[in-house]
Amino acid sequence: MKPVTVYTTTVCPYCIRAKHLLDRRGVPYEEVNLSRDFELRMRLSQQTGMRTVPMIFIGEQCIGGYDDLAALDREGELERLLGRAS
């Protein structure tokens, strides 16, 4: 399975929702809190074009934020992107 990284901030309801969805699906992830790392947040923003969190990566691919993650899950694409679908 491809690694999942979720870039978050401390008080972000969408970050909480994203982590909850991943937990419900049994998807392990690494959480990186950007609350005190302005430089990393700026680099990620430049790399992804996103200014908000969560920023969710599956492998090296940024899939977007919570709404994007939820849509992938509803469409059955999340499992495929993770490499878990047969």
PDB file of N, CA and C in Angstrom:
ATOM      1  N   MET A   1       0.838  -1.183   0.000  1.00  0.00           N
ATOM      2  CA  MET A   1       0.000   0.000   0.000  1.00  0.00           C
ATOM      3  C   MET A   1       0.883   1.246   0.000  1.00  0.00           C
ATOM      4  N   LYS A   2       0.469   2.238  -0.741  1.00  0.00           N
ATOM      5  CA  LYS A   2       1.227   3.487  -0.798  1.00  0.00           C
ATOM      6  C   LYS A   2       1.097   4.242   0.519  1.00  0.00           C
ATOM      7  N   PRO A   3       2.154   4.947   0.921  1.00  0.00           N
ATOM      8  CA  PRO A   3       2.078   5.717   2.164  1.00  0.00           C
ATOM      9  C   PRO A   3       1.166   6.926   2.007  1.00  0.00           C
ATOM     10  N   VAL A   4       0.504   7.284   3.092  1.00  0.00           N
ATOM     11  CA  VAL A   4      -0.385   8.445   3.114  1.00  0.00           C
ATOM     12  C   VAL A   4       0.177   9.442   4.121  1.00  0.00           C
ATOM     13  N   THR A   5       0.261  10.695   3.695  1.00  0.00           N
ATOM     14  CA  THR A   5       0.698  11.772   4.580  1.00  0.00           C
ATOM     15  C   THR A   5      -0.383  12.837   4.591  1.00  0.00           C
ATOM     16  N   VAL A   6      -0.762  13.266   5.793  1.00  0.00           N
ATOM     17  CA  VAL A   6      -1.791  14.284   5.958  1.00  0.00           C
ATOM     18  C   VAL A   6      -1.153  15.479   6.654  1.00  0.00           C
ATOM     19  N   TYR A   7      -1.061  16.587   5.952  1.00  0.00           N
ATOM     20  CA  TYR A   7      -0.529  17.822   6.513  1.00  0.00           C
ATOM     21  C   TYR A   7      -1.696  18.582   7.117  1.00  0.00           C
ATOM     22  N   THR A   8      -1.569  18.927   8.391  1.00  0.00           N
ATOM     23  CA  THR A   8      -2.676  19.489   9.152  1.00  0.00           C
ATOM     24  C   THR A   8      -2.248  20.744   9.909  1.00  0.00           C
ATOM     25  N   THR A   9      -3.219  21.352  10.558  1.00  0.00           N
ATOM     26  CA  THR A   9      -2.961  22.335  11.604  1.00  0.00           C
ATOM     27  C   THR A   9      -3.758  21.893  12.823  1.00  0.00           C
ATOM     28  N   THR A  10      -3.457  22.490  13.949  1.00  0.00           N
ATOM     29  CA  THR A  10      -4.022  22.034  15.212  1.00  0.00           C
ATOM     30  C   THR A  10      -5.541  22.169  15.280  1.00  0.00           C
ATOM     31  N   VAL A  11      -6.073  23.298  14.859  1.00  0.00           N
ATOM     32  CA  VAL A  11      -7.507  23.544  15.016  1.00  0.00           C
ATOM     33  C   VAL A  11      -8.188  23.603  13.649  1.00  0.00           C
ATOM     34  N   CYS A  12      -8.237  22.472  12.978  1.00  0.00           N
ATOM     35  CA  CYS A  12      -8.791  22.427  11.625  1.00  0.00           C
ATOM     36  C   CYS A  12      -9.847  21.338  11.562  1.00  0.00           C
ATOM     37  N   PRO A  13     -11.130  21.698  11.451  1.00  0.00           N
ATOM     38  CA  PRO A  13     -12.171  20.674  11.421  1.00  0.00           C
ATOM     39  C   PRO A  13     -12.073  19.742  10.209  1.00  0.00           C
ATOM     40  N   TYR A  14     -11.602  20.253   9.079  1.00  0.00           N
ATOM     41  CA  TYR A  14     -11.468  19.398   7.904  1.00  0.00           C
ATOM     42  C   TYR A  14     -10.323  18.397   8.076  1.00  0.00           C
ATOM     43  N   CYS A  15      -9.294  18.795   8.793  1.00  0.00           N
ATOM     44  CA  CYS A  15      -8.197  17.870   9.101  1.00  0.00           C
ATOM     45  C   CYS A  15      -8.709  16.723   9.968  1.00  0.00           C
ATOM     46  N   ILE A  16      -9.518  17.056  10.951  1.00  0.00           N
ATOM     47  CA  ILE A  16     -10.097  16.047  11.844  1.00  0.00           C
ATOM     48  C   ILE A  16     -10.973  15.089  11.041  1.00  0.00           C
ATOM     49  N   ARG A  17     -11.783  15.625  10.129  1.00  0.00           N
ATOM     50  CA  ARG A  17     -12.647  14.783   9.296  1.00  0.00           C
ATOM     51  C   ARG A  17     -11.834  13.851   8.396  1.00  0.00           C
ATOM     52  N   ALA A  18     -10.766  14.384   7.822  1.00  0.00           N
ATOM     53  CA  ALA A  18      -9.919  13.565   6.940  1.00  0.00           C
ATOM     54  C   ALA A  18      -9.293  12.418   7.728  1.00  0.00           C
ATOM     55  N   LYS A  19      -8.757  12.711   8.899  1.00  0.00           N
ATOM     56  CA  LYS A  19      -8.133  11.660   9.717  1.00  0.00           C
ATOM     57  C   LYS A  19      -9.170  10.632  10.146  1.00  0.00           C
ATOM     58  N   HIS A  20     -10.374  11.096  10.474  1.00  0.00           N
ATOM     59  CA  HIS A  20     -11.442  10.186  10.878  1.00  0.00           C
ATOM     60  C   HIS A  20     -11.818   9.255   9.724  1.00  0.00           C
ATOM     61  N   LEU A  21     -11.940   9.783   8.512  1.00  0.00           N
ATOM     62  CA  LEU A  21     -12.261   8.960   7.346  1.00  0.00           C
ATOM     63  C   LEU A  21     -11.173   7.903   7.124  1.00  0.00           C
ATOM     64  N   LEU A  22      -9.926   8.324   7.184  1.00  0.00           N
ATOM     65  CA  LEU A  22      -8.823   7.366   6.997  1.00  0.00           C
ATOM     66  C   LEU A  22      -8.834   6.304   8.091  1.00  0.00           C
ATOM     67  N   ASP A  23      -9.089   6.713   9.323  1.00  0.00           N
ATOM     68  CA  ASP A  23      -9.162   5.753  10.432  1.00  0.00           C
ATOM     69  C   ASP A  23     -10.284   4.744  10.194  1.00  0.00           C
ATOM     70  N   ARG A  24     -11.461   5.220   9.774  1.00  0.00           N
ATOM     71  CA  ARG A  24     -12.598   4.321   9.511  1.00  0.00           C
ATOM     72  C   ARG A  24     -12.286   3.316   8.420  1.00  0.00           C
ATOM     73  N   ARG A  25     -11.492   3.712   7.453  1.00  0.00           N
ATOM     74  CA  ARG A  25     -11.131   2.830   6.335  1.00  0.00           C
ATOM     75  C   ARG A  25      -9.905   1.966   6.646  1.00  0.00           C
ATOM     76  N   GLY A  26      -9.333   2.152   7.824  1.00  0.00           N
ATOM     77  CA  GLY A  26      -8.161   1.361   8.209  1.00  0.00           C
ATOM     78  C   GLY A  26      -6.909   1.734   7.442  1.00  0.00           C
ATOM     79  N   VAL A  27      -6.822   3.001   7.050  1.00  0.00           N
ATOM     80  CA  VAL A  27      -5.675   3.475   6.277  1.00  0.00           C
ATOM     81  C   VAL A  27      -4.675   4.129   7.224  1.00  0.00           C
ATOM     82  N   PRO A  28      -3.491   3.543   7.372  1.00  0.00           N
ATOM     83  CA  PRO A  28      -2.480   4.188   8.203  1.00  0.00           C
ATOM     84  C   PRO A  28      -1.954   5.437   7.499  1.00  0.00           C
ATOM     85  N   TYR A  29      -1.610   6.445   8.280  1.00  0.00           N
ATOM     86  CA  TYR A  29      -1.110   7.695   7.709  1.00  0.00           C
ATOM     87  C   TYR A  29      -0.137   8.350   8.674  1.00  0.00           C
ATOM     88  N   GLU A  30       0.683   9.188   8.103  1.00  0.00           N
ATOM     89  CA  GLU A  30       1.574  10.019   8.905  1.00  0.00           C
ATOM     90  C   GLU A  30       0.960  11.411   8.930  1.00  0.00           C
ATOM     91  N   GLU A  31       0.845  11.973  10.111  1.00  0.00           N
ATOM     92  CA  GLU A  31       0.332  13.337  10.245  1.00  0.00           C
ATOM     93  C   GLU A  31       1.497  14.288  10.474  1.00  0.00           C
ATOM     94  N   VAL A  32       1.536  15.358   9.703  1.00  0.00           N
ATOM     95  CA  VAL A  32       2.547  16.398   9.871  1.00  0.00           C
ATOM     96  C   VAL A  32       1.811  17.686  10.183  1.00  0.00           C
ATOM     97  N   ASN A  33       2.007  18.190  11.399  1.00  0.00           N
ATOM     98  CA  ASN A  33       1.330  19.408  11.831  1.00  0.00           C
ATOM     99  C   ASN A  33       2.122  20.624  11.356  1.00  0.00           C
ATOM    100  N   LEU A  34       1.460  21.469  10.585  1.00  0.00           N
ATOM    101  CA  LEU A  34       2.107  22.661  10.013  1.00  0.00           C
ATOM    102  C   LEU A  34       1.896  23.913  10.851  1.00  0.00           C
ATOM    103  N   SER A  35       1.267  23.792  12.002  1.00  0.00           N
ATOM    104  CA  SER A  35       0.922  24.971  12.803  1.00  0.00           C
ATOM    105  C   SER A  35       2.125  25.848  13.133  1.00  0.00           C
ATOM    106  N   ARG A  36       3.267  25.232  13.331  1.00  0.00           N
ATOM    107  CA  ARG A  36       4.453  26.003  13.718  1.00  0.00           C
ATOM    108  C   ARG A  36       5.580  25.919  12.700  1.00  0.00           C
ATOM    109  N   ASP A  37       5.259  25.422  11.508  1.00  0.00           N
ATOM    110  CA  ASP A  37       6.292  25.297  10.473  1.00  0.00           C
ATOM    111  C   ASP A  37       5.863  26.065   9.231  1.00  0.00           C
ATOM    112  N   PHE A  38       5.977  27.387   9.314  1.00  0.00           N
ATOM    113  CA  PHE A  38       5.535  28.269   8.237  1.00  0.00           C
ATOM    114  C   PHE A  38       6.291  27.995   6.940  1.00  0.00           C
ATOM    115  N   GLU A  39       7.581  27.718   7.038  1.00  0.00           N
ATOM    116  CA  GLU A  39       8.383  27.469   5.830  1.00  0.00           C
ATOM    117  C   GLU A  39       7.904  26.233   5.081  1.00  0.00           C
ATOM    118  N   LEU A  40       7.658  25.146   5.792  1.00  0.00           N
ATOM    119  CA  LEU A  40       7.168  23.928   5.151  1.00  0.00           C
ATOM    120  C   LEU A  40       5.787  24.175   4.546  1.00  0.00           C
ATOM    121  N   ARG A  41       4.949  24.892   5.262  1.00  0.00           N
ATOM    122  CA  ARG A  41       3.609  25.184   4.737  1.00  0.00           C
ATOM    123  C   ARG A  41       3.698  25.985   3.437  1.00  0.00           C
ATOM    124  N   MET A  42       4.609  26.948   3.384  1.00  0.00           N
ATOM    125  CA  MET A  42       4.778  27.747   2.170  1.00  0.00           C
ATOM    126  C   MET A  42       5.313  26.894   1.021  1.00  0.00           C
ATOM    127  N   ARG A  43       6.278  26.019   1.305  1.00  0.00           N
ATOM    128  CA  ARG A  43       6.807  25.133   0.256  1.00  0.00           C
ATOM    129  C   ARG A  43       5.723  24.216  -0.291  1.00  0.00           C
ATOM    130  N   LEU A  44       4.930  23.627   0.605  1.00  0.00           N
ATOM    131  CA  LEU A  44       3.842  22.759   0.172  1.00  0.00           C
ATOM    132  C   LEU A  44       2.807  23.534  -0.632  1.00  0.00           C
ATOM    133  N   SER A  45       2.522  24.740  -0.204  1.00  0.00           N
ATOM    134  CA  SER A  45       1.565  25.575  -0.920  1.00  0.00           C
ATOM    135  C   SER A  45       2.045  25.871  -2.335  1.00  0.00           C
ATOM    136  N   GLN A  46       3.330  26.163  -2.474  1.00  0.00           N
ATOM    137  CA  GLN A  46       3.896  26.420  -3.797  1.00  0.00           C
ATOM    138  C   GLN A  46       3.882  25.154  -4.645  1.00  0.00           C
ATOM    139  N   GLN A  47       4.171  24.013  -4.028  1.00  0.00           N
ATOM    140  CA  GLN A  47       4.218  22.734  -4.735  1.00  0.00           C
ATOM    141  C   GLN A  47       2.831  22.295  -5.198  1.00  0.00           C
ATOM    142  N   THR A  48       1.819  22.477  -4.350  1.00  0.00           N
ATOM    143  CA  THR A  48       0.490  21.938  -4.629  1.00  0.00           C
ATOM    144  C   THR A  48      -0.476  22.963  -5.206  1.00  0.00           C
ATOM    145  N   GLY A  49      -0.187  24.239  -4.989  1.00  0.00           N
ATOM    146  CA  GLY A  49      -1.145  25.278  -5.374  1.00  0.00           C
ATOM    147  C   GLY A  49      -2.261  25.437  -4.357  1.00  0.00           C
ATOM    148  N   MET A  50      -2.191  24.690  -3.258  1.00  0.00           N
ATOM    149  CA  MET A  50      -3.215  24.755  -2.211  1.00  0.00           C
ATOM    150  C   MET A  50      -2.762  25.696  -1.113  1.00  0.00           C
ATOM    151  N   ARG A  51      -3.709  26.448  -0.571  1.00  0.00           N
ATOM    152  CA  ARG A  51      -3.382  27.336   0.540  1.00  0.00           C
ATOM    153  C   ARG A  51      -4.000  26.867   1.842  1.00  0.00           C
ATOM    154  N   THR A  52      -4.868  25.854   1.758  1.00  0.00           N
ATOM    155  CA  THR A  52      -5.579  25.384   2.943  1.00  0.00           C
ATOM    156  C   THR A  52      -5.126  23.980   3.321  1.00  0.00           C
ATOM    157  N   VAL A  53      -5.467  23.588   4.532  1.00  0.00           N
ATOM    158  CA  VAL A  53      -5.216  22.232   5.015  1.00  0.00           C
ATOM    159  C   VAL A  53      -6.566  21.565   5.228  1.00  0.00           C
ATOM    160  N   PRO A  54      -6.601  20.254   5.211  1.00  0.00           N
ATOM    161  CA  PRO A  54      -5.465  19.362   5.075  1.00  0.00           C
ATOM    162  C   PRO A  54      -4.963  19.294   3.638  1.00  0.00           C
ATOM    163  N   MET A  55      -3.695  18.991   3.518  1.00  0.00           N
ATOM    164  CA  MET A  55      -3.087  18.642   2.243  1.00  0.00           C
ATOM    165  C   MET A  55      -2.766  17.161   2.359  1.00  0.00           C
ATOM    166  N   ILE A  56      -3.402  16.362   1.506  1.00  0.00           N
ATOM    167  CA  ILE A  56      -3.300  14.914   1.641  1.00  0.00           C
ATOM    168  C   ILE A  56      -2.528  14.347   0.453  1.00  0.00           C
ATOM    169  N   PHE A  57      -1.511  13.579   0.780  1.00  0.00           N
ATOM    170  CA  PHE A  57      -0.683  12.931  -0.238  1.00  0.00           C
ATOM    171  C   PHE A  57      -0.853  11.422  -0.135  1.00  0.00           C
ATOM    172  N   ILE A  58      -0.997  10.782  -1.289  1.00  0.00           N
ATOM    173  CA  ILE A  58      -0.925   9.325  -1.380  1.00  0.00           C
ATOM    174  C   ILE A  58       0.307   9.053  -2.223  1.00  0.00           C
ATOM    175  N   GLY A  59       1.305   8.463  -1.587  1.00  0.00           N
ATOM    176  CA  GLY A  59       2.602   8.360  -2.236  1.00  0.00           C
ATOM    177  C   GLY A  59       3.116   9.773  -2.463  1.00  0.00           C
ATOM    178  N   GLU A  60       3.542  10.068  -3.665  1.00  0.00           N
ATOM    179  CA  GLU A  60       4.065  11.403  -4.001  1.00  0.00           C
ATOM    180  C   GLU A  60       2.986  12.325  -4.563  1.00  0.00           C
ATOM    181  N   GLN A  61       1.765  11.794  -4.746  1.00  0.00           N
ATOM    182  CA  GLN A  61       0.694  12.549  -5.387  1.00  0.00           C
ATOM    183  C   GLN A  61      -0.182  13.261  -4.366  1.00  0.00           C
ATOM    184  N   CYS A  62      -0.340  14.576  -4.545  1.00  0.00           N
ATOM    185  CA  CYS A  62      -1.275  15.329  -3.706  1.00  0.00           C
ATOM    186  C   CYS A  62      -2.670  15.098  -4.273  1.00  0.00           C
ATOM    187  N   ILE A  63      -3.558  14.559  -3.440  1.00  0.00           N
ATOM    188  CA  ILE A  63      -4.922  14.308  -3.906  1.00  0.00           C
ATOM    189  C   ILE A  63      -5.852  15.450  -3.526  1.00  0.00           C
ATOM    190  N   GLY A  64      -5.376  16.425  -2.760  1.00  0.00           N
ATOM    191  CA  GLY A  64      -6.192  17.570  -2.374  1.00  0.00           C
ATOM    192  C   GLY A  64      -6.474  17.574  -0.891  1.00  0.00           C
ATOM    193  N   GLY A  65      -7.658  18.067  -0.546  1.00  0.00           N
ATOM    194  CA  GLY A  65      -8.057  18.191   0.849  1.00  0.00           C
ATOM    195  C   GLY A  65      -9.133  17.187   1.218  1.00  0.00           C
ATOM    196  N   TYR A  66      -9.865  17.498   2.297  1.00  0.00           N
ATOM    197  CA  TYR A  66     -10.876  16.563   2.794  1.00  0.00           C
ATOM    198  C   TYR A  66     -11.961  16.285   1.758  1.00  0.00           C
ATOM    199  N   ASP A  67     -12.485  17.325   1.115  1.00  0.00           N
ATOM    200  CA  ASP A  67     -13.560  17.113   0.139  1.00  0.00           C
ATOM    201  C   ASP A  67     -13.109  16.180  -0.986  1.00  0.00           C
ATOM    202  N   ASP A  68     -11.857  16.342  -1.418  1.00  0.00           N
ATOM    203  CA  ASP A  68     -11.314  15.482  -2.469  1.00  0.00           C
ATOM    204  C   ASP A  68     -11.173  14.045  -1.978  1.00  0.00           C
ATOM    205  N   LEU A  69     -10.691  13.887  -0.751  1.00  0.00           N
ATOM    206  CA  LEU A  69     -10.552  12.556  -0.155  1.00  0.00           C
ATOM    207  C   LEU A  69     -11.909  11.874  -0.046  1.00  0.00           C
ATOM    208  N   ALA A  70     -12.910  12.604   0.448  1.00  0.00           N
ATOM    209  CA  ALA A  70     -14.252  12.037   0.607  1.00  0.00           C
ATOM    210  C   ALA A  70     -14.842  11.644  -0.753  1.00  0.00           C
ATOM    211  N   ALA A  71     -14.620  12.457  -1.772  1.00  0.00           N
ATOM    212  CA  ALA A  71     -15.125  12.140  -3.112  1.00  0.00           C
ATOM    213  C   ALA A  71     -14.458  10.877  -3.649  1.00  0.00           C
ATOM    214  N   LEU A  72     -13.145  10.767  -3.476  1.00  0.00           N
ATOM    215  CA  LEU A  72     -12.440   9.562  -3.918  1.00  0.00           C
ATOM    216  C   LEU A  72     -12.985   8.327  -3.209  1.00  0.00           C
ATOM    217  N   ASP A  73     -13.272   8.470  -1.925  1.00  0.00           N
ATOM    218  CA  ASP A  73     -13.803   7.356  -1.150  1.00  0.00           C
ATOM    219  C   ASP A  73     -15.189   6.967  -1.664  1.00  0.00           C
ATOM    220  N   ARG A  74     -16.065   7.939  -1.880  1.00  0.00           N
ATOM    221  CA  ARG A  74     -17.421   7.664  -2.382  1.00  0.00           C
ATOM    222  C   ARG A  74     -17.395   6.975  -3.744  1.00  0.00           C
ATOM    223  N   GLU A  75     -16.451   7.392  -4.584  1.00  0.00           N
ATOM    224  CA  GLU A  75     -16.368   6.856  -5.945  1.00  0.00           C
ATOM    225  C   GLU A  75     -15.618   5.529  -6.026  1.00  0.00           C
ATOM    226  N   GLY A  76     -15.079   5.061  -4.897  1.00  0.00           N
ATOM    227  CA  GLY A  76     -14.325   3.818  -4.894  1.00  0.00           C
ATOM    228  C   GLY A  76     -12.908   3.960  -5.416  1.00  0.00           C
ATOM    229  N   GLU A  77     -12.473   5.174  -5.657  1.00  0.00           N
ATOM    230  CA  GLU A  77     -11.131   5.412  -6.206  1.00  0.00           C
ATOM    231  C   GLU A  77     -10.053   5.419  -5.135  1.00  0.00           C
ATOM    232  N   LEU A  78     -10.406   5.644  -3.895  1.00  0.00           N
ATOM    233  CA  LEU A  78      -9.417   5.706  -2.825  1.00  0.00           C
ATOM    234  C   LEU A  78      -8.642   4.397  -2.725  1.00  0.00           C
ATOM    235  N   GLU A  79      -9.355   3.294  -2.745  1.00  0.00           N
ATOM    236  CA  GLU A  79      -8.704   1.979  -2.637  1.00  0.00           C
ATOM    237  C   GLU A  79      -7.726   1.760  -3.791  1.00  0.00           C
ATOM    238  N   ARG A  80      -8.122   2.169  -4.990  1.00  0.00           N
ATOM    239  CA  ARG A  80      -7.249   2.008  -6.163  1.00  0.00           C
ATOM    240  C   ARG A  80      -5.991   2.845  -6.009  1.00  0.00           C
ATOM    241  N   LEU A  81      -6.149   4.108  -5.593  1.00  0.00           N
ATOM    242  CA  LEU A  81      -4.988   4.973  -5.424  1.00  0.00           C
ATOM    243  C   LEU A  81      -4.045   4.462  -4.341  1.00  0.00           C
ATOM    244  N   LEU A  82      -4.611   3.856  -3.324  1.00  0.00           N
ATOM    245  CA  LEU A  82      -3.788   3.296  -2.244  1.00  0.00           C
ATOM    246  C   LEU A  82      -3.056   2.038  -2.689  1.00  0.00           C
ATOM    247  N   GLY A  83      -3.520   1.449  -3.766  1.00  0.00           N
ATOM    248  CA  GLY A  83      -2.922   0.202  -4.219  1.00  0.00           C
ATOM    249  C   GLY A  83      -3.532  -1.003  -3.538  1.00  0.00           C
ATOM    250  N   ARG A  84      -4.701  -0.825  -2.915  1.00  0.00           N
ATOM    251  CA  ARG A  84      -5.359  -1.927  -2.212  1.00  0.00           C
ATOM    252  C   ARG A  84      -6.443  -2.603  -3.047  1.00  0.00           C
ATOM    253  N   ALA A  85      -6.861  -1.961  -4.130  1.00  0.00           N
ATOM    254  CA  ALA A  85      -7.933  -2.546  -4.954  1.00  0.00           C
ATOM    255  C   ALA A  85      -7.364  -3.640  -5.846  1.00  0.00           C
ATOM    256  N   SER A  86      -8.170  -4.636  -6.091  1.00  0.00           N
ATOM    257  CA  SER A  86      -7.707  -5.718  -6.963  1.00  0.00           C
ATOM    258  C   SER A  86      -8.216  -5.544  -8.366  1.00  0.00           C
TER     259      SER A  86
END
